[in-house]
Amino acid sequence: MELWLIRHGTTRANLEGRLQGTLPFPLGPEGRKEVTYLAERLKAQPFSAIFSSSALRARQTTRLLYVRVQAPPPLFTPLLQEYHWGIAQGLNRQEMGERYPSILEKLERNFHKAEIPGAEGIQMLFQRAGRFYRFLETLERSGRYKLPILVVSHGRFLQAFIQCFLAYDDQQGWPFSVSPASLTVLDGDFQGRRRLKLFNDTCHLHRQVK
């Protein structure tokens, strides 16, 4: 099974350095333009299915892609939502320093493992990524999904899912980071043959749509 992973386009919150989490930030003008470029790149590639986070920015990204790509109607699920940052959601660095200096210190010491009140927690995030992995494994066993599957989600969830898919030890840091409107391609049979075919590719953002 081949998986084409997309991170949603840029939002105003991205530009302001905010932890978006599960908050309903929409795509900004730049993000819509990015997704348009990405859709142009993907238009010749048919897909077996599109699975998307149900968060607003991901839904908007998916709908902009769907009108150009060859695929069945997208399916939206909270399983693919972004990591919940607890009381830090919606804040940027300056605001965290003013309201929660101890949290900012934790984030700067170890951004990926900082414990924040109300946050989802790393273990829960990886459990959620694992549930999506097992769901895809079930689809593969059905034998009906021969074409690639398009997955639209968020930076932190995609980091966790890539580690899960490639069987990286989640205790050994976070080796993957994906940019807005980027494309990453994974390929594997869920029986041990797994590989990263393309990672964080944004070449489409440097081209003009004709």
Protein backbone atom coordinates (compact mmCIF):
# COMPACT_ATOMS: atom_id res chain seq x y z
CA MET A 1 0.00 0.00 0.00
CA GLU A 2 1.25 3.45 -0.92
CA LEU A 3 0.32 6.41 1.29
CA TRP A 4 0.59 10.02 0.15
CA LEU A 5 0.68 12.20 3.27
CA ILE A 6 -0.24 15.87 3.07
CA ARG A 7 0.04 18.48 5.78
CA HIS A 8 -2.60 21.21 5.55
CA GLY A 9 -1.68 24.57 4.02
CA THR A 10 -0.38 27.54 5.99
CA THR A 11 -2.67 29.36 8.40
CA ARG A 12 -2.30 32.73 10.04
CA ALA A 13 -1.58 30.86 13.27
CA ASN A 14 1.37 29.12 11.55
CA LEU A 15 2.80 32.49 10.59
CA GLU A 16 2.35 33.77 14.15
CA GLY A 17 4.05 30.72 15.65
CA ARG A 18 0.97 29.54 17.54
CA LEU A 19 0.31 26.01 18.77
CA GLN A 20 -2.87 25.32 16.82
CA GLY A 21 -3.76 21.92 18.21
CA THR A 22 -7.46 21.17 17.81
CA LEU A 23 -8.52 24.82 17.48
CA PRO A 24 -10.44 25.73 14.27
CA PHE A 25 -7.89 27.93 12.52
CA PRO A 26 -8.74 28.36 8.80
CA LEU A 27 -6.30 28.40 5.91
CA GLY A 28 -4.87 31.82 5.15
CA PRO A 29 -4.48 33.27 1.64
CA GLU A 30 -0.96 31.83 1.42
CA GLY A 31 -2.22 28.40 2.48
CA ARG A 32 -4.93 28.38 -0.18
CA LYS A 33 -2.37 29.27 -2.82
CA GLU A 34 -0.04 26.50 -1.59
CA VAL A 35 -2.81 23.91 -1.80
CA THR A 36 -3.73 25.08 -5.29
CA TYR A 37 -0.15 24.44 -6.39
CA LEU A 38 -0.21 21.04 -4.71
CA ALA A 39 -3.50 20.14 -6.39
CA GLU A 40 -1.99 20.97 -9.76
CA ARG A 41 0.85 18.59 -9.00
CA LEU A 42 -1.49 15.76 -7.96
CA LYS A 43 -4.18 16.11 -10.63
CA ALA A 44 -2.83 13.30 -12.85
CA GLN A 45 -2.53 10.82 -9.97
CA PRO A 46 -5.62 8.68 -9.19
CA PHE A 47 -6.22 7.66 -5.58
CA SER A 48 -8.16 4.79 -4.00
CA ALA A 49 -9.37 6.98 -1.16
CA ILE A 50 -8.88 10.29 0.66
CA PHE A 51 -8.83 10.34 4.45
CA SER A 52 -8.66 13.70 6.18
CA SER A 53 -8.63 15.21 9.61
CA SER A 54 -11.96 16.80 10.48
CA ALA A 55 -10.25 20.02 11.66
CA LEU A 56 -11.20 23.12 9.66
CA ARG A 57 -7.80 23.79 8.06
CA ALA A 58 -7.49 20.15 7.00
CA ARG A 59 -11.05 20.04 5.62
CA GLN A 60 -10.37 23.17 3.58
CA THR A 61 -7.11 21.69 2.27
CA THR A 62 -8.85 18.44 1.35
CA ARG A 63 -11.71 20.12 -0.48
CA LEU A 64 -9.32 22.24 -2.53
CA LEU A 65 -7.44 19.07 -3.49
CA TYR A 66 -10.54 16.99 -4.16
CA VAL A 67 -11.83 19.23 -6.94
CA ARG A 68 -8.62 18.54 -8.90
CA VAL A 69 -7.58 14.96 -8.09
CA GLN A 70 -9.09 11.66 -9.25
CA ALA A 71 -10.54 10.07 -6.11
CA PRO A 72 -13.76 9.06 -4.35
CA PRO A 73 -15.31 11.67 -2.01
CA PRO A 74 -13.09 12.30 1.02
CA LEU A 75 -13.79 10.80 4.43
CA PHE A 76 -13.22 13.09 7.44
CA THR A 77 -12.28 11.72 10.84
CA PRO A 78 -11.13 13.14 14.21
CA LEU A 79 -8.65 10.25 14.33
CA LEU A 80 -6.36 12.35 12.11
CA GLN A 81 -6.71 15.56 14.12
CA GLU A 82 -3.72 17.44 15.45
CA TYR A 83 -2.21 16.90 18.89
CA HIS A 84 -4.16 18.64 21.67
CA TRP A 85 -1.81 21.07 23.42
CA GLY A 86 -3.94 21.58 26.52
CA ILE A 87 -3.71 25.03 28.09
CA ALA A 88 -0.99 26.02 25.60
CA GLN A 89 -3.31 25.77 22.58
CA GLY A 90 -3.54 28.96 20.58
CA LEU A 91 -0.56 30.61 22.24
CA ASN A 92 2.70 31.76 20.69
CA ARG A 93 6.06 31.94 22.42
CA GLN A 94 5.63 35.43 23.81
CA GLU A 95 2.18 34.70 25.21
CA MET A 96 3.34 31.48 26.82
CA GLY A 97 6.23 33.31 28.40
CA GLU A 98 3.83 35.83 29.90
CA ARG A 99 1.16 33.37 31.08
CA TYR A 100 2.97 30.10 31.63
CA PRO A 101 6.74 30.66 31.90
CA SER A 102 7.30 27.15 33.31
CA ILE A 103 5.55 25.60 30.29
CA LEU A 104 7.64 27.66 27.91
CA GLU A 105 10.76 26.45 29.72
CA LYS A 106 9.63 22.83 29.29
CA LEU A 107 8.90 23.35 25.59
CA GLU A 108 12.28 24.93 24.97
CA ARG A 109 14.05 22.15 26.85
CA ASN A 110 12.24 19.33 25.03
CA PHE A 111 9.50 20.54 22.69
CA HIS A 112 8.24 17.07 21.82
CA LYS A 113 8.04 15.62 25.32
CA ALA A 114 7.06 18.60 27.44
CA GLU A 115 4.22 17.77 29.84
CA ILE A 116 1.47 20.38 29.60
CA PRO A 117 -1.73 20.44 31.69
CA GLY A 118 -4.69 19.28 29.62
CA ALA A 119 -2.54 18.09 26.70
CA GLU A 120 -3.19 14.81 24.91
CA GLY A 121 0.15 13.32 25.88
CA ILE A 122 2.72 11.54 23.73
CA GLN A 123 1.48 8.05 24.59
CA MET A 124 -2.08 8.88 23.54
CA LEU A 125 -0.84 10.47 20.32
CA PHE A 126 1.09 7.35 19.35
CA GLN A 127 -1.88 5.17 20.27
CA ARG A 128 -4.02 7.24 17.90
CA ALA A 129 -1.40 6.93 15.14
CA GLY A 130 -1.36 3.18 15.79
CA ARG A 131 -5.13 2.94 15.42
CA PHE A 132 -4.93 4.61 12.02
CA TYR A 133 -2.08 2.27 11.06
CA ARG A 134 -4.19 -0.79 11.96
CA PHE A 135 -7.15 0.63 10.06
CA LEU A 136 -4.99 0.93 6.93
CA GLU A 137 -3.71 -2.60 7.49
CA THR A 138 -7.32 -3.81 7.41
CA LEU A 139 -7.92 -1.95 4.16
CA GLU A 140 -4.88 -3.56 2.60
CA ARG A 141 -6.09 -7.03 3.54
CA SER A 142 -9.36 -6.34 1.74
CA GLY A 143 -7.42 -6.14 -1.52
CA ARG A 144 -9.59 -3.30 -2.86
CA TYR A 145 -7.13 -0.45 -2.43
CA LYS A 146 -4.63 -0.89 -5.25
CA LEU A 147 -4.06 2.80 -5.94
CA PRO A 148 -2.34 5.15 -3.47
CA ILE A 149 -4.31 6.55 -0.54
CA LEU A 150 -4.22 10.28 0.15
CA VAL A 151 -4.05 11.32 3.81
CA VAL A 152 -4.48 14.96 4.88
CA SER A 153 -3.52 15.76 8.45
CA HIS A 154 -1.29 17.89 10.68
CA GLY A 155 2.38 18.25 11.48
CA ARG A 156 2.58 16.54 14.84
CA PHE A 157 0.18 13.71 13.99
CA LEU A 158 2.06 13.02 10.74
CA GLN A 159 5.35 12.96 12.64
CA ALA A 160 3.95 10.29 14.95
CA PHE A 161 2.35 8.30 12.14
CA ILE A 162 5.55 8.22 10.05
CA GLN A 163 7.45 6.91 13.06
CA CYS A 164 4.75 4.32 13.66
CA PHE A 165 4.71 3.19 10.02
CA LEU A 166 8.50 2.91 9.78
CA ALA A 167 8.72 1.24 13.22
CA TYR A 168 10.97 3.92 14.71
CA ASP A 169 11.37 3.90 18.48
CA ASP A 170 9.21 6.79 19.70
CA GLN A 171 11.50 7.15 22.71
CA GLN A 172 14.45 8.12 20.51
CA GLY A 173 13.39 11.64 19.58
CA TRP A 174 11.43 12.96 16.62
CA PRO A 175 13.44 12.58 13.41
CA PHE A 176 10.64 13.77 11.09
CA SER A 177 9.18 17.24 10.62
CA VAL A 178 6.82 18.15 7.77
CA SER A 179 6.10 21.58 6.30
CA PRO A 180 2.69 23.03 5.40
CA ALA A 181 1.34 21.76 2.06
CA SER A 182 4.19 19.25 1.81
CA LEU A 183 4.05 15.77 0.29
CA THR A 184 5.51 12.65 1.92
CA VAL A 185 5.12 9.18 0.38
CA LEU A 186 5.27 5.93 2.34
CA ASP A 187 5.15 2.47 0.83
CA GLY A 188 4.77 -0.88 2.54
CA ASP A 189 2.83 -4.12 2.94
CA PHE A 190 2.36 -3.96 6.74
CA GLN A 191 4.35 -7.19 6.99
CA GLY A 192 7.74 -5.57 7.53
CA ARG A 193 8.50 -4.14 4.08
CA ARG A 194 8.20 -0.42 4.69
CA ARG A 195 10.05 2.48 3.15
CA LEU A 196 10.05 6.24 2.90
CA LYS A 197 9.87 7.04 -0.83
CA LEU A 198 9.56 10.82 -0.61
CA PHE A 199 9.83 13.15 2.35
CA ASN A 200 8.56 16.69 2.98
CA ASP A 201 8.60 17.58 -0.70
CA THR A 202 7.51 21.17 -1.40
CA CYS A 203 8.88 21.63 -4.92
CA HIS A 204 5.34 22.43 -6.15
CA LEU A 205 5.35 25.58 -4.04
CA HIS A 206 8.13 27.02 -6.17
CA ARG A 207 6.24 26.63 -9.44
CA GLN A 208 3.47 28.69 -10.94
CA VAL A 209 0.15 27.13 -11.87
CA LYS A 210 -0.57 27.57 -15.55
